[in-house]
Amino acid sequence: MTDIKRRKFVSLMGVSAAVIPVSALVASLPSRADDTPAVDPESAQAQALQYVAVSEKADQSCGTCTLYTGAADSEMGPCPLFPGSAVHSAGWCSAFVPKA
Protein backbone atom coordinates (compact mmCIF):
# COMPACT_ATOMS: atom_id res chain seq x y z
CA MET A 1 0.00 0.00 0.00
CA THR A 2 1.48 3.34 -0.95
CA ASP A 3 1.75 6.23 1.45
CA ILE A 4 -0.92 8.28 -0.36
CA LYS A 5 -3.46 5.45 -0.31
CA ARG A 6 -2.76 4.82 3.35
CA ARG A 7 -3.25 8.50 4.21
CA LYS A 8 -6.51 8.62 2.28
CA PHE A 9 -7.71 5.44 3.98
CA VAL A 10 -6.85 6.75 7.45
CA SER A 11 -8.55 10.10 6.78
CA LEU A 12 -11.69 8.36 5.48
CA MET A 13 -11.77 6.16 8.57
CA GLY A 14 -11.52 9.25 10.77
CA VAL A 15 -14.39 10.94 8.98
CA SER A 16 -16.46 7.76 9.13
CA ALA A 17 -15.81 7.44 12.85
CA ALA A 18 -17.28 10.93 13.34
CA VAL A 19 -20.19 10.69 10.88
CA ILE A 20 -21.64 7.33 11.89
CA PRO A 21 -22.46 8.21 15.54
CA VAL A 22 -23.91 11.58 14.53
CA SER A 23 -26.14 10.03 11.87
CA ALA A 24 -27.30 7.35 14.32
CA LEU A 25 -28.16 10.04 16.86
CA VAL A 26 -30.14 12.08 14.33
CA ALA A 27 -32.01 8.99 13.14
CA SER A 28 -33.03 8.11 16.69
CA LEU A 29 -34.56 11.50 17.46
CA PRO A 30 -38.35 11.43 17.61
CA SER A 31 -40.19 13.13 14.81
CA ARG A 32 -43.13 15.41 15.36
CA ALA A 33 -46.49 13.68 15.20
CA ASP A 34 -47.65 16.34 12.72
CA ASP A 35 -45.10 15.04 10.22
CA THR A 36 -45.77 11.37 10.90
CA PRO A 37 -48.27 9.61 8.64
CA ALA A 38 -51.23 7.82 10.17
CA VAL A 39 -51.12 4.05 10.51
CA ASP A 40 -52.44 2.34 7.39
CA PRO A 41 -55.18 -0.02 8.62
CA GLU A 42 -54.41 -2.27 5.64
CA SER A 43 -50.75 -2.76 6.64
CA ALA A 44 -49.65 -6.19 7.85
CA GLN A 45 -48.79 -4.86 11.32
CA ALA A 46 -52.17 -3.12 11.72
CA GLN A 47 -54.06 -6.20 10.59
CA ALA A 48 -52.05 -8.48 12.87
CA LEU A 49 -52.94 -6.25 15.84
CA GLN A 50 -56.54 -5.69 14.62
CA TYR A 51 -55.95 -1.90 14.65
CA VAL A 52 -58.95 0.35 13.99
CA ALA A 53 -58.92 4.16 13.82
CA VAL A 54 -62.06 4.45 15.98
CA SER A 55 -62.52 2.10 18.91
CA GLU A 56 -65.83 0.30 19.32
CA LYS A 57 -65.04 -0.31 23.00
CA ALA A 58 -66.16 2.65 25.12
CA ASP A 59 -63.49 2.26 27.80
CA GLN A 60 -60.58 1.27 25.52
CA SER A 61 -58.78 3.57 23.09
CA CYS A 62 -55.19 4.36 22.14
CA GLY A 63 -55.38 7.59 24.17
CA THR A 64 -55.99 5.55 27.33
CA CYS A 65 -53.38 2.89 26.54
CA THR A 66 -50.03 2.65 28.34
CA LEU A 67 -48.21 2.23 25.03
CA TYR A 68 -49.56 5.51 23.55
CA THR A 69 -46.95 8.24 23.99
CA GLY A 70 -48.81 11.16 22.42
CA ALA A 71 -50.10 14.15 24.37
CA ALA A 72 -53.36 13.55 26.23
CA ASP A 73 -55.20 16.22 24.23
CA SER A 74 -53.77 15.34 20.80
CA GLU A 75 -55.79 13.67 18.05
CA MET A 76 -52.86 11.47 17.01
CA GLY A 77 -49.62 10.33 18.54
CA PRO A 78 -46.80 7.80 18.40
CA CYS A 79 -47.03 4.20 19.51
CA PRO A 80 -44.00 1.87 19.72
CA LEU A 81 -46.00 -0.90 18.03
CA PHE A 82 -46.23 1.20 14.85
CA PRO A 83 -42.80 2.82 14.38
CA GLY A 84 -42.79 5.62 11.83
CA SER A 85 -46.57 6.02 12.01
CA ALA A 86 -48.99 7.81 14.30
CA VAL A 87 -52.11 6.21 15.76
CA HIS A 88 -55.43 7.95 16.35
CA SER A 89 -56.02 8.59 20.05
CA ALA A 90 -59.56 7.26 19.49
CA GLY A 91 -58.16 4.09 17.87
CA TRP A 92 -57.74 0.62 19.32
CA CYS A 93 -55.66 -2.53 18.81
CA SER A 94 -55.47 -5.96 20.41
CA ALA A 95 -52.33 -4.96 22.35
CA PHE A 96 -54.33 -2.45 24.44
CA VAL A 97 -53.00 -2.07 28.00
CA PRO A 98 -54.94 0.35 30.24
CA LYS A 99 -52.99 3.14 31.91
CA ALA A 100 -52.60 2.61 35.62
PDB file of N, CA and C in Angstrom:
ATOM      1  N   MET A   1       0.856  -1.173   0.000  1.00  0.00           N
ATOM      2  CA  MET A   1       0.000   0.000   0.000  1.00  0.00           C
ATOM      3  C   MET A   1       0.900   1.235   0.000  1.00  0.00           C
ATOM      4  N   THR A   2       0.647   2.144  -0.894  1.00  0.00           N
ATOM      5  CA  THR A   2       1.478   3.341  -0.952  1.00  0.00           C
ATOM      6  C   THR A   2       1.092   4.301   0.152  1.00  0.00           C
ATOM      7  N   ASP A   3       1.968   5.246   0.393  1.00  0.00           N
ATOM      8  CA  ASP A   3       1.747   6.227   1.449  1.00  0.00           C
ATOM      9  C   ASP A   3       0.494   7.062   1.201  1.00  0.00           C
ATOM     10  N   ILE A   4       0.248   7.449  -0.039  1.00  0.00           N
ATOM     11  CA  ILE A   4      -0.915   8.277  -0.364  1.00  0.00           C
ATOM     12  C   ILE A   4      -2.205   7.495  -0.118  1.00  0.00           C
ATOM     13  N   LYS A   5      -2.258   6.254  -0.531  1.00  0.00           N
ATOM     14  CA  LYS A   5      -3.456   5.453  -0.314  1.00  0.00           C
ATOM     15  C   LYS A   5      -3.696   5.234   1.177  1.00  0.00           C
ATOM     16  N   ARG A   6      -2.630   5.018   1.915  1.00  0.00           N
ATOM     17  CA  ARG A   6      -2.755   4.819   3.353  1.00  0.00           C
ATOM     18  C   ARG A   6      -3.286   6.081   4.015  1.00  0.00           C
ATOM     19  N   ARG A   7      -2.784   7.238   3.634  1.00  0.00           N
ATOM     20  CA  ARG A   7      -3.253   8.505   4.205  1.00  0.00           C
ATOM     21  C   ARG A   7      -4.729   8.724   3.900  1.00  0.00           C
ATOM     22  N   LYS A   8      -5.107   8.447   2.664  1.00  0.00           N
ATOM     23  CA  LYS A   8      -6.509   8.619   2.279  1.00  0.00           C
ATOM     24  C   LYS A   8      -7.396   7.655   3.075  1.00  0.00           C
ATOM     25  N   PHE A   9      -6.959   6.423   3.223  1.00  0.00           N
ATOM     26  CA  PHE A   9      -7.710   5.435   3.985  1.00  0.00           C
ATOM     27  C   PHE A   9      -7.877   5.877   5.437  1.00  0.00           C
ATOM     28  N   VAL A  10      -6.797   6.322   6.052  1.00  0.00           N
ATOM     29  CA  VAL A  10      -6.846   6.752   7.452  1.00  0.00           C
ATOM     30  C   VAL A  10      -7.761   7.968   7.605  1.00  0.00           C
ATOM     31  N   SER A  11      -7.692   8.915   6.674  1.00  0.00           N
ATOM     32  CA  SER A  11      -8.553  10.098   6.779  1.00  0.00           C
ATOM     33  C   SER A  11     -10.022   9.724   6.586  1.00  0.00           C
ATOM     34  N   LEU A  12     -10.311   8.801   5.671  1.00  0.00           N
ATOM     35  CA  LEU A  12     -11.693   8.359   5.485  1.00  0.00           C
ATOM     36  C   LEU A  12     -12.210   7.631   6.724  1.00  0.00           C
ATOM     37  N   MET A  13     -11.371   6.851   7.347  1.00  0.00           N
ATOM     38  CA  MET A  13     -11.775   6.160   8.572  1.00  0.00           C
ATOM     39  C   MET A  13     -12.067   7.155   9.685  1.00  0.00           C
ATOM     40  N   GLY A  14     -11.276   8.218   9.763  1.00  0.00           N
ATOM     41  CA  GLY A  14     -11.516   9.248  10.769  1.00  0.00           C
ATOM     42  C   GLY A  14     -12.837   9.960  10.549  1.00  0.00           C
ATOM     43  N   VAL A  15     -13.122  10.291   9.307  1.00  0.00           N
ATOM     44  CA  VAL A  15     -14.393  10.943   8.978  1.00  0.00           C
ATOM     45  C   VAL A  15     -15.553   9.997   9.261  1.00  0.00           C
ATOM     46  N   SER A  16     -15.405   8.746   8.887  1.00  0.00           N
ATOM     47  CA  SER A  16     -16.462   7.761   9.134  1.00  0.00           C
ATOM     48  C   SER A  16     -16.717   7.591  10.625  1.00  0.00           C
ATOM     49  N   ALA A  17     -15.665   7.597  11.407  1.00  0.00           N
ATOM     50  CA  ALA A  17     -15.810   7.444  12.854  1.00  0.00           C
ATOM     51  C   ALA A  17     -16.595   8.600  13.454  1.00  0.00           C
ATOM     52  N   ALA A  18     -16.534   9.770  12.846  1.00  0.00           N
ATOM     53  CA  ALA A  18     -17.281  10.925  13.343  1.00  0.00           C
ATOM     54  C   ALA A  18     -18.701  10.964  12.788  1.00  0.00           C
ATOM     55  N   VAL A  19     -18.883  10.579  11.539  1.00  0.00           N
ATOM     56  CA  VAL A  19     -20.186  10.692  10.881  1.00  0.00           C
ATOM     57  C   VAL A  19     -21.174   9.627  11.355  1.00  0.00           C
ATOM     58  N   ILE A  20     -20.729   8.421  11.544  1.00  0.00           N
ATOM     59  CA  ILE A  20     -21.637   7.330  11.895  1.00  0.00           C
ATOM     60  C   ILE A  20     -22.368   7.581  13.215  1.00  0.00           C
ATOM     61  N   PRO A  21     -21.707   7.953  14.311  1.00  0.00           N
ATOM     62  CA  PRO A  21     -22.456   8.209  15.545  1.00  0.00           C
ATOM     63  C   PRO A  21     -23.423   9.386  15.417  1.00  0.00           C
ATOM     64  N   VAL A  22     -23.034  10.425  14.699  1.00  0.00           N
ATOM     65  CA  VAL A  22     -23.911  11.583  14.533  1.00  0.00           C
ATOM     66  C   VAL A  22     -25.152  11.193  13.737  1.00  0.00           C
ATOM     67  N   SER A  23     -24.983  10.437  12.668  1.00  0.00           N
ATOM     68  CA  SER A  23     -26.143  10.034  11.868  1.00  0.00           C
ATOM     69  C   SER A  23     -27.051   9.092  12.656  1.00  0.00           C
ATOM     70  N   ALA A  24     -26.483   8.238  13.483  1.00  0.00           N
ATOM     71  CA  ALA A  24     -27.295   7.354  14.317  1.00  0.00           C
ATOM     72  C   ALA A  24     -28.082   8.158  15.341  1.00  0.00           C
ATOM     73  N   LEU A  25     -27.476   9.193  15.897  1.00  0.00           N
ATOM     74  CA  LEU A  25     -28.163  10.045  16.859  1.00  0.00           C
ATOM     75  C   LEU A  25     -29.318  10.777  16.199  1.00  0.00           C
ATOM     76  N   VAL A  26     -29.088  11.347  15.043  1.00  0.00           N
ATOM     77  CA  VAL A  26     -30.137  12.077  14.330  1.00  0.00           C
ATOM     78  C   VAL A  26     -31.279  11.139  13.951  1.00  0.00           C
ATOM     79  N   ALA A  27     -30.973   9.950  13.528  1.00  0.00           N
ATOM     80  CA  ALA A  27     -32.007   8.990  13.135  1.00  0.00           C
ATOM     81  C   ALA A  27     -32.845   8.540  14.323  1.00  0.00           C
ATOM     82  N   SER A  28     -32.288   8.566  15.524  1.00  0.00           N
ATOM     83  CA  SER A  28     -33.028   8.109  16.694  1.00  0.00           C
ATOM     84  C   SER A  28     -33.895   9.187  17.325  1.00  0.00           C
ATOM     85  N   LEU A  29     -33.745  10.431  16.899  1.00  0.00           N
ATOM     86  CA  LEU A  29     -34.558  11.503  17.459  1.00  0.00           C
ATOM     87  C   LEU A  29     -36.011  11.322  17.051  1.00  0.00           C
ATOM     88  N   PRO A  30     -36.942  11.584  17.973  1.00  0.00           N
ATOM     89  CA  PRO A  30     -38.353  11.428  17.612  1.00  0.00           C
ATOM     90  C   PRO A  30     -38.794  12.513  16.642  1.00  0.00           C
ATOM     91  N   SER A  31     -39.649  12.135  15.730  1.00  0.00           N
ATOM     92  CA  SER A  31     -40.185  13.128  14.809  1.00  0.00           C
ATOM     93  C   SER A  31     -41.475  13.683  15.390  1.00  0.00           C
ATOM     94  N   ARG A  32     -41.888  14.820  14.893  1.00  0.00           N
ATOM     95  CA  ARG A  32     -43.130  15.411  15.361  1.00  0.00           C
ATOM     96  C   ARG A  32     -44.290  14.594  14.820  1.00  0.00           C
ATOM     97  N   ALA A  33     -45.334  14.455  15.625  1.00  0.00           N
ATOM     98  CA  ALA A  33     -46.495  13.681  15.200  1.00  0.00           C
ATOM     99  C   ALA A  33     -47.170  14.325  13.994  1.00  0.00           C
ATOM    100  N   ASP A  34     -47.042  15.648  13.852  1.00  0.00           N
ATOM    101  CA  ASP A  34     -47.650  16.338  12.716  1.00  0.00           C
ATOM    102  C   ASP A  34     -47.061  15.843  11.405  1.00  0.00           C
ATOM    103  N   ASP A  35     -45.792  15.478  11.423  1.00  0.00           N
ATOM    104  CA  ASP A  35     -45.104  15.039  10.215  1.00  0.00           C
ATOM    105  C   ASP A  35     -45.226  13.535   9.985  1.00  0.00           C
ATOM    106  N   THR A  36     -45.706  12.825  10.970  1.00  0.00           N
ATOM    107  CA  THR A  36     -45.767  11.374  10.895  1.00  0.00           C
ATOM    108  C   THR A  36     -47.083  10.937  10.256  1.00  0.00           C
ATOM    109  N   PRO A  37     -47.025  10.071   9.273  1.00  0.00           N
ATOM    110  CA  PRO A  37     -48.267   9.613   8.642  1.00  0.00           C
ATOM    111  C   PRO A  37     -49.067   8.707   9.575  1.00  0.00           C
ATOM    112  N   ALA A  38     -50.363   8.683   9.370  1.00  0.00           N
ATOM    113  CA  ALA A  38     -51.230   7.821  10.170  1.00  0.00           C
ATOM    114  C   ALA A  38     -50.984   6.359   9.804  1.00  0.00           C
ATOM    115  N   VAL A  39     -51.250   5.491  10.743  1.00  0.00           N
ATOM    116  CA  VAL A  39     -51.120   4.054  10.508  1.00  0.00           C
ATOM    117  C   VAL A  39     -52.081   3.651   9.389  1.00  0.00           C
ATOM    118  N   ASP A  40     -51.593   2.870   8.460  1.00  0.00           N
ATOM    119  CA  ASP A  40     -52.436   2.343   7.390  1.00  0.00           C
ATOM    120  C   ASP A  40     -53.141   1.099   7.923  1.00  0.00           C
ATOM    121  N   PRO A  41     -54.470   1.139   8.082  1.00  0.00           N
ATOM    122  CA  PRO A  41     -55.182  -0.023   8.619  1.00  0.00           C
ATOM    123  C   PRO A  41     -55.021  -1.285   7.770  1.00  0.00           C
ATOM    124  N   GLU A  42     -54.594  -1.122   6.522  1.00  0.00           N
ATOM    125  CA  GLU A  42     -54.408  -2.273   5.636  1.00  0.00           C
ATOM    126  C   GLU A  42     -53.006  -2.881   5.742  1.00  0.00           C
ATOM    127  N   SER A  43     -52.117  -2.241   6.515  1.00  0.00           N
ATOM    128  CA  SER A  43     -50.755  -2.764   6.642  1.00  0.00           C
ATOM    129  C   SER A  43     -50.767  -4.084   7.410  1.00  0.00           C
ATOM    130  N   ALA A  44     -49.744  -4.876   7.195  1.00  0.00           N
ATOM    131  CA  ALA A  44     -49.653  -6.186   7.850  1.00  0.00           C
ATOM    132  C   ALA A  44     -49.626  -6.048   9.369  1.00  0.00           C
ATOM    133  N   GLN A  45     -48.884  -5.068   9.873  1.00  0.00           N
ATOM    134  CA  GLN A  45     -48.790  -4.856  11.324  1.00  0.00           C
ATOM    135  C   GLN A  45     -50.155  -4.480  11.900  1.00  0.00           C
ATOM    136  N   ALA A  46     -50.858  -3.559  11.236  1.00  0.00           N
ATOM    137  CA  ALA A  46     -52.169  -3.121  11.719  1.00  0.00           C
ATOM    138  C   ALA A  46     -53.166  -4.276  11.702  1.00  0.00           C
ATOM    139  N   GLN A  47     -53.140  -5.068  10.666  1.00  0.00           N
ATOM    140  CA  GLN A  47     -54.063  -6.198  10.590  1.00  0.00           C
ATOM    141  C   GLN A  47     -53.729  -7.264  11.628  1.00  0.00           C
ATOM    142  N   ALA A  48     -52.448  -7.489  11.871  1.00  0.00           N
ATOM    143  CA  ALA A  48     -52.048  -8.481  12.875  1.00  0.00           C
ATOM    144  C   ALA A  48     -52.509  -8.068  14.269  1.00  0.00           C
ATOM    145  N   LEU A  49     -52.518  -6.759  14.531  1.00  0.00           N
ATOM    146  CA  LEU A  49     -52.941  -6.252  15.837  1.00  0.00           C
ATOM    147  C   LEU A  49     -54.400  -5.809  15.843  1.00  0.00           C
ATOM    148  N   GLN A  50     -55.121  -6.042  14.754  1.00  0.00           N
ATOM    149  CA  GLN A  50     -56.536  -5.687  14.619  1.00  0.00           C
ATOM    150  C   GLN A  50     -56.775  -4.201  14.884  1.00  0.00           C
ATOM    151  N   TYR A  51     -55.848  -3.348  14.425  1.00  0.00           N
ATOM    152  CA  TYR A  51     -55.948  -1.901  14.650  1.00  0.00           C
ATOM    153  C   TYR A  51     -57.132  -1.303  13.900  1.00  0.00           C
ATOM    154  N   VAL A  52     -57.882  -0.442  14.599  1.00  0.00           N
ATOM    155  CA  VAL A  52     -58.952   0.350  13.986  1.00  0.00           C
ATOM    156  C   VAL A  52     -58.757   1.798  14.413  1.00  0.00           C
ATOM    157  N   ALA A  53     -59.114   2.742  13.537  1.00  0.00           N
ATOM    158  CA  ALA A  53     -58.916   4.164  13.822  1.00  0.00           C
ATOM    159  C   ALA A  53     -59.897   4.685  14.861  1.00  0.00           C
ATOM    160  N   VAL A  54     -61.059   4.051  14.984  1.00  0.00           N
ATOM    161  CA  VAL A  54     -62.062   4.450  15.978  1.00  0.00           C
ATOM    162  C   VAL A  54     -62.476   3.205  16.755  1.00  0.00           C
ATOM    163  N   SER A  55     -62.229   3.250  18.056  1.00  0.00           N
ATOM    164  CA  SER A  55     -62.521   2.104  18.909  1.00  0.00           C
ATOM    165  C   SER A  55     -64.024   1.897  19.058  1.00  0.00           C
ATOM    166  N   GLU A  56     -64.433   0.644  19.066  1.00  0.00           N
ATOM    167  CA  GLU A  56     -65.829   0.301  19.322  1.00  0.00           C
ATOM    168  C   GLU A  56     -66.045  -0.010  20.801  1.00  0.00           C
ATOM    169  N   LYS A  57     -64.965  -0.015  21.565  1.00  0.00           N
ATOM    170  CA  LYS A  57     -65.036  -0.308  22.999  1.00  0.00           C
ATOM    171  C   LYS A  57     -64.974   1.015  23.757  1.00  0.00           C
ATOM    172  N   ALA A  58     -66.024   1.340  24.478  1.00  0.00           N
ATOM    173  CA  ALA A  58     -66.157   2.646  25.119  1.00  0.00           C
ATOM    174  C   ALA A  58     -65.008   2.972  26.069  1.00  0.00           C
ATOM    175  N   ASP A  59     -64.516   1.999  26.795  1.00  0.00           N
ATOM    176  CA  ASP A  59     -63.486   2.259  27.798  1.00  0.00           C
ATOM    177  C   ASP A  59     -62.072   1.930  27.327  1.00  0.00           C
ATOM    178  N   GLN A  60     -61.904   1.619  26.044  1.00  0.00           N
ATOM    179  CA  GLN A  60     -60.584   1.273  25.521  1.00  0.00           C
ATOM    180  C   GLN A  60     -60.295   2.061  24.246  1.00  0.00           C
ATOM    181  N   SER A  61     -59.235   2.854  24.286  1.00  0.00           N
ATOM    182  CA  SER A  61     -58.777   3.572  23.091  1.00  0.00           C
ATOM    183  C   SER A  61     -57.279   3.801  23.224  1.00  0.00           C
ATOM    184  N   CYS A  62     -56.642   4.128  22.116  1.00  0.00           N
ATOM    185  CA  CYS A  62     -55.194   4.362  22.138  1.00  0.00           C
ATOM    186  C   CYS A  62     -54.824   5.458  23.140  1.00  0.00           C
ATOM    187  N   GLY A  63     -55.661   6.490  23.247  1.00  0.00           N
ATOM    188  CA  GLY A  63     -55.384   7.593  24.166  1.00  0.00           C
ATOM    189  C   GLY A  63     -55.351   7.170  25.623  1.00  0.00           C
ATOM    190  N   THR A  64     -55.985   6.044  25.954  1.00  0.00           N
ATOM    191  CA  THR A  64     -55.990   5.554  27.334  1.00  0.00           C
ATOM    192  C   THR A  64     -55.109   4.317  27.508  1.00  0.00           C
ATOM    193  N   CYS A  65     -54.276   4.050  26.509  1.00  0.00           N
ATOM    194  CA  CYS A  65     -53.379   2.890  26.539  1.00  0.00           C
ATOM    195  C   CYS A  65     -51.998   3.291  27.063  1.00  0.00           C
ATOM    196  N   THR A  66     -51.373   2.415  27.808  1.00  0.00           N
ATOM    197  CA  THR A  66     -50.034   2.655  28.340  1.00  0.00           C
ATOM    198  C   THR A  66     -49.007   2.845  27.231  1.00  0.00           C
ATOM    199  N   LEU A  67     -49.183   2.171  26.115  1.00  0.00           N
ATOM    200  CA  LEU A  67     -48.211   2.234  25.025  1.00  0.00           C
ATOM    201  C   LEU A  67     -48.270   3.546  24.246  1.00  0.00           C
ATOM    202  N   TYR A  68     -49.383   4.251  24.290  1.00  0.00           N
ATOM    203  CA  TYR A  68     -49.555   5.510  23.552  1.00  0.00           C
ATOM    204  C   TYR A  68     -48.710   6.589  24.210  1.00  0.00           C
ATOM    205  N   THR A  69     -47.846   7.231  23.426  1.00  0.00           N
ATOM    206  CA  THR A  69     -46.947   8.242  23.988  1.00  0.00           C
ATOM    207  C   THR A  69     -47.265   9.647  23.504  1.00  0.00           C
ATOM    208  N   GLY A  70     -48.407   9.833  22.873  1.00  0.00           N
ATOM    209  CA  GLY A  70     -48.814  11.160  22.425  1.00  0.00           C
ATOM    210  C   GLY A  70     -49.357  11.978  23.586  1.00  0.00           C
ATOM    211  N   ALA A  71     -49.534  13.272  23.355  1.00  0.00           N
ATOM    212  CA  ALA A  71     -50.103  14.154  24.371  1.00  0.00           C
ATOM    213  C   ALA A  71     -51.555  13.751  24.625  1.00  0.00           C
ATOM    214  N   ALA A  72     -52.013  13.962  25.848  1.00  0.00           N
ATOM    215  CA  ALA A  72     -53.362  13.554  26.226  1.00  0.00           C
ATOM    216  C   ALA A  72     -54.440  14.239  25.388  1.00  0.00           C
ATOM    217  N   ASP A  73     -54.190  15.470  24.977  1.00  0.00           N
ATOM    218  CA  ASP A  73     -55.198  16.221  24.227  1.00  0.00           C
ATOM    219  C   ASP A  73     -54.997  16.177  22.714  1.00  0.00           C
ATOM    220  N   SER A  74     -54.041  15.390  22.237  1.00  0.00           N
ATOM    221  CA  SER A  74     -53.774  15.343  20.796  1.00  0.00           C
ATOM    222  C   SER A  74     -54.667  14.315  20.106  1.00  0.00           C
ATOM    223  N   GLU A  75     -54.949  14.572  18.841  1.00  0.00           N
ATOM    224  CA  GLU A  75     -55.791  13.675  18.052  1.00  0.00           C
ATOM    225  C   GLU A  75     -55.026  12.427  17.623  1.00  0.00           C
ATOM    226  N   MET A  76     -53.712  12.589  17.421  1.00  0.00           N
ATOM    227  CA  MET A  76     -52.863  11.475  17.012  1.00  0.00           C
ATOM    228  C   MET A  76     -51.550  11.522  17.778  1.00  0.00           C
ATOM    229  N   GLY A  77     -50.897  10.376  17.864  1.00  0.00           N
ATOM    230  CA  GLY A  77     -49.617  10.334  18.539  1.00  0.00           C
ATOM    231  C   GLY A  77     -48.869   9.050  18.237  1.00  0.00           C
ATOM    232  N   PRO A  78     -47.614   8.984  18.671  1.00  0.00           N
ATOM    233  CA  PRO A  78     -46.795   7.801  18.400  1.00  0.00           C
ATOM    234  C   PRO A  78     -47.142   6.614  19.295  1.00  0.00           C
ATOM    235  N   CYS A  79     -46.877   5.445  18.764  1.00  0.00           N
ATOM    236  CA  CYS A  79     -47.031   4.197  19.511  1.00  0.00           C
ATOM    237  C   CYS A  79     -45.860   3.306  19.109  1.00  0.00           C
ATOM    238  N   PRO A  80     -45.167   2.695  20.066  1.00  0.00           N
ATOM    239  CA  PRO A  80     -44.005   1.869  19.719  1.00  0.00           C
ATOM    240  C   PRO A  80     -44.354   0.640  18.878  1.00  0.00           C
ATOM    241  N   LEU A  81     -45.604   0.249  18.842  1.00  0.00           N
ATOM    242  CA  LEU A  81     -45.997  -0.900  18.027  1.00  0.00           C
ATOM    243  C   LEU A  81     -46.071  -0.564  16.542  1.00  0.00           C
ATOM    244  N   PHE A  82     -46.149   0.743  16.239  1.00  0.00           N
ATOM    245  CA  PHE A  82     -46.227   1.199  14.852  1.00  0.00           C
ATOM    246  C   PHE A  82     -45.145   2.245  14.602  1.00  0.00           C
ATOM    247  N   PRO A  83     -43.880   1.847  14.579  1.00  0.00           N
ATOM    248  CA  PRO A  83     -42.803   2.820  14.383  1.00  0.00           C
ATOM    249  C   PRO A  83     -42.923   3.519  13.028  1.00  0.00           C
ATOM    250  N   GLY A  84     -42.724   4.834  13.057  1.00  0.00           N
ATOM    251  CA  GLY A  84     -42.793   5.619  11.829  1.00  0.00           C
ATOM    252  C   GLY A  84     -44.196   6.036  11.457  1.00  0.00           C
ATOM    253  N   SER A  85     -45.175   5.658  12.264  1.00  0.00           N
ATOM    254  CA  SER A  85     -46.568   6.022  12.013  1.00  0.00           C
ATOM    255  C   SER A  85     -47.195   6.527  13.301  1.00  0.00           C
ATOM    256  N   ALA A  86     -48.252   7.304  13.144  1.00  0.00           N
ATOM    257  CA  ALA A  86     -48.992   7.807  14.301  1.00  0.00           C
ATOM    258  C   ALA A  86     -50.340   7.100  14.362  1.00  0.00           C
ATOM    259  N   VAL A  87     -50.802   6.837  15.570  1.00  0.00           N
ATOM    260  CA  VAL A  87     -52.112   6.213  15.759  1.00  0.00           C
ATOM    261  C   VAL A  87     -53.109   7.277  16.190  1.00  0.00           C
ATOM    262  N   HIS A  88     -54.376   7.050  15.900  1.00  0.00           N
ATOM    263  CA  HIS A  88     -55.434   7.950  16.351  1.00  0.00           C
ATOM    264  C   HIS A  88     -55.651   7.708  17.841  1.00  0.00           C
ATOM    265  N   SER A  89     -55.803   8.777  18.610  1.00  0.00           N
ATOM    266  CA  SER A  89     -56.019   8.592  20.048  1.00  0.00           C
ATOM    267  C   SER A  89     -57.343   7.881  20.309  1.00  0.00           C
ATOM    268  N   ALA A  90     -58.280   7.952  19.363  1.00  0.00           N
ATOM    269  CA  ALA A  90     -59.560   7.256  19.491  1.00  0.00           C
ATOM    270  C   ALA A  90     -59.483   5.826  18.958  1.00  0.00           C
ATOM    271  N   GLY A  91     -58.326   5.419  18.449  1.00  0.00           N
ATOM    272  CA  GLY A  91     -58.161   4.090  17.867  1.00  0.00           C
ATOM    273  C   GLY A  91     -58.044   2.996  18.915  1.00  0.00           C
ATOM    274  N   TRP A  92     -57.870   1.772  18.439  1.00  0.00           N
ATOM    275  CA  TRP A  92     -57.743   0.615  19.322  1.00  0.00           C
ATOM    276  C   TRP A  92     -56.994  -0.493  18.599  1.00  0.00           C
ATOM    277  N   CYS A  93     -56.260  -1.312  19.353  1.00  0.00           N
ATOM    278  CA  CYS A  93     -55.665  -2.531  18.806  1.00  0.00           C
ATOM    279  C   CYS A  93     -55.671  -3.603  19.882  1.00  0.00           C
ATOM    280  N   SER A  94     -55.394  -4.821  19.488  1.00  0.00           N
ATOM    281  CA  SER A  94     -55.468  -5.957  20.411  1.00  0.00           C
ATOM    282  C   SER A  94     -54.379  -5.939  21.482  1.00  0.00           C
ATOM    283  N   ALA A  95     -53.395  -5.060  21.351  1.00  0.00           N
ATOM    284  CA  ALA A  95     -52.330  -4.956  22.354  1.00  0.00           C
ATOM    285  C   ALA A  95     -52.668  -3.916  23.424  1.00  0.00           C
ATOM    286  N   PHE A  96     -53.913  -3.476  23.487  1.00  0.00           N
ATOM    287  CA  PHE A  96     -54.330  -2.445  24.439  1.00  0.00           C
ATOM    288  C   PHE A  96     -53.978  -2.842  25.873  1.00  0.00           C
ATOM    289  N   VAL A  97     -53.332  -1.898  26.587  1.00  0.00           N
ATOM    290  CA  VAL A  97     -52.998  -2.071  27.998  1.00  0.00           C
ATOM    291  C   VAL A  97     -53.455  -0.800  28.705  1.00  0.00           C
ATOM    292  N   PRO A  98     -54.435  -0.872  29.607  1.00  0.00           N
ATOM    293  CA  PRO A  98     -54.942   0.349  30.237  1.00  0.00           C
ATOM    294  C   PRO A  98     -53.871   1.036  31.084  1.00  0.00           C
ATOM    295  N   LYS A  99     -53.920   2.375  31.066  1.00  0.00           N
ATOM    296  CA  LYS A  99     -52.992   3.141  31.907  1.00  0.00           C
ATOM    297  C   LYS A  99     -53.368   2.928  33.362  1.00  0.00           C
ATOM    298  N   ALA A 100     -52.357   2.832  34.189  1.00  0.00           N
ATOM    299  CA  ALA A 100     -52.595   2.611  35.622  1.00  0.00           C
ATOM    300  C   ALA A 100     -52.990   3.890  36.317  1.00  0.00           C
TER     301      ALA A 100
END
